[in-house]
């Protein structure tokens, strides 16, 4: 029964920290635009992210 005297304040402290983190996230604008990232995947990129090299112009290094 003595453990309850430790667990109740500890749980209140953790809830308080979670609430502070939530209000910090709201204040810093984390929840301002919830729809643009979801729609961004539907649009094509103008430039490719990486360029693939053609293997035909490279010489193999294992050639005897």
C-alpha atoms as a PDB file:
ATOM      1  CA  UNK A   1       0.000   0.000   0.000  1.00  0.00           C
ATOM      2  CA  UNK A   2       2.983   2.292   0.514  1.00  0.00           C
ATOM      3  CA  UNK A   3       3.808   2.155  -3.189  1.00  0.00           C
ATOM      4  CA  UNK A   4       0.660   4.174  -3.931  1.00  0.00           C
ATOM      5  CA  UNK A   5       2.315   7.176  -2.266  1.00  0.00           C
ATOM      6  CA  UNK A   6       5.033   6.973  -4.907  1.00  0.00           C
ATOM      7  CA  UNK A   7       2.938   6.019  -7.938  1.00  0.00           C
ATOM      8  CA  UNK A   8       0.256   8.714  -7.631  1.00  0.00           C
ATOM      9  CA  UNK A   9       2.692  11.683  -7.553  1.00  0.00           C
ATOM     10  CA  UNK A  10       4.804  10.026 -10.249  1.00  0.00           C
ATOM     11  CA  UNK A  11       1.792   9.587 -12.517  1.00  0.00           C
ATOM     12  CA  UNK A  12       0.689  13.191 -11.879  1.00  0.00           C
ATOM     13  CA  UNK A  13       4.186  14.369 -12.769  1.00  0.00           C
ATOM     14  CA  UNK A  14       4.191  12.366 -16.012  1.00  0.00           C
ATOM     15  CA  UNK A  15       0.736  13.669 -16.952  1.00  0.00           C
ATOM     16  CA  UNK A  16       1.903  17.223 -16.252  1.00  0.00           C
ATOM     17  CA  UNK A  17       4.948  16.734 -18.482  1.00  0.00           C
ATOM     18  CA  UNK A  18       2.763  15.302 -21.262  1.00  0.00           C
ATOM     19  CA  UNK A  19       0.393  18.278 -21.035  1.00  0.00           C
ATOM     20  CA  UNK A  20       3.310  20.726 -21.169  1.00  0.00           C
ATOM     21  CA  UNK A  21       4.740  18.986 -24.242  1.00  0.00           C
ATOM     22  CA  UNK A  22       1.311  19.090 -25.909  1.00  0.00           C
ATOM     23  CA  UNK A  23       0.896  22.819 -25.270  1.00  0.00           C
ATOM     24  CA  UNK A  24       4.442  23.448 -26.500  1.00  0.00           C
ATOM     25  CA  UNK A  25       3.635  21.572 -29.729  1.00  0.00           C
ATOM     26  CA  UNK A  26       0.446  23.576 -30.228  1.00  0.00           C
ATOM     27  CA  UNK A  27       2.242  26.858 -29.549  1.00  0.00           C
ATOM     28  CA  UNK A  28       5.086  26.060 -31.948  1.00  0.00           C
ATOM     29  CA  UNK A  29       2.665  25.355 -34.824  1.00  0.00           C
ATOM     30  CA  UNK A  30       2.908  21.583 -35.104  1.00  0.00           C
ATOM     31  CA  UNK A  31      -0.834  21.255 -35.705  1.00  0.00           C
ATOM     32  CA  UNK A  32      -1.373  24.251 -37.978  1.00  0.00           C
ATOM     33  CA  UNK A  33      -1.575  22.513 -41.364  1.00  0.00           C
ATOM     34  CA  UNK A  34      -2.789  18.949 -41.086  1.00  0.00           C
ATOM     35  CA  UNK A  35      -3.944  18.467 -44.698  1.00  0.00           C
ATOM     36  CA  UNK A  36      -1.033  19.579 -46.901  1.00  0.00           C
ATOM     37  CA  UNK A  37       1.312  16.709 -45.982  1.00  0.00           C
ATOM     38  CA  UNK A  38      -1.455  14.215 -46.769  1.00  0.00           C
ATOM     39  CA  UNK A  39      -2.082  15.753 -50.203  1.00  0.00           C
ATOM     40  CA  UNK A  40       1.601  16.231 -51.023  1.00  0.00           C
ATOM     41  CA  UNK A  41       2.033  12.552 -51.841  1.00  0.00           C
ATOM     42  CA  UNK A  42      -0.508  12.833 -54.656  1.00  0.00           C
ATOM     43  CA  UNK A  43       1.539  15.332 -56.669  1.00  0.00           C
ATOM     44  CA  UNK A  44       4.470  14.363 -58.889  1.00  0.00           C
ATOM     45  CA  UNK A  45       7.866  15.894 -58.252  1.00  0.00           C
ATOM     46  CA  UNK A  46       9.331  18.041 -61.013  1.00  0.00           C
ATOM     47  CA  UNK A  47      12.832  16.644 -60.598  1.00  0.00           C
ATOM     48  CA  UNK A  48      13.788  13.115 -59.605  1.00  0.00           C
ATOM     49  CA  UNK A  49      15.364  12.788 -56.181  1.00  0.00           C
ATOM     50  CA  UNK A  50      18.248  10.632 -57.389  1.00  0.00           C
ATOM     51  CA  UNK A  51      19.717   9.918 -60.772  1.00  0.00           C
ATOM     52  CA  UNK A  52      20.398   6.346 -61.766  1.00  0.00           C
ATOM     53  CA  UNK A  53      23.715   5.753 -63.482  1.00  0.00           C
ATOM     54  CA  UNK A  54      23.887   3.616 -66.571  1.00  0.00           C
ATOM     55  CA  UNK A  55      25.968   0.518 -65.819  1.00  0.00           C
ATOM     56  CA  UNK A  56      27.097   0.125 -69.442  1.00  0.00           C
ATOM     57  CA  UNK A  57      29.592   2.998 -69.301  1.00  0.00           C
ATOM     58  CA  UNK A  58      31.314   1.735 -66.168  1.00  0.00           C
ATOM     59  CA  UNK A  59      34.149  -0.739 -66.353  1.00  0.00           C
ATOM     60  CA  UNK A  60      34.070  -3.638 -63.919  1.00  0.00           C
ATOM     61  CA  UNK A  61      36.871  -3.598 -61.384  1.00  0.00           C
ATOM     62  CA  UNK A  62      37.031  -7.415 -61.148  1.00  0.00           C
ATOM     63  CA  UNK A  63      38.245  -7.791 -64.731  1.00  0.00           C
ATOM     64  CA  UNK A  64      41.433  -9.958 -64.946  1.00  0.00           C
END
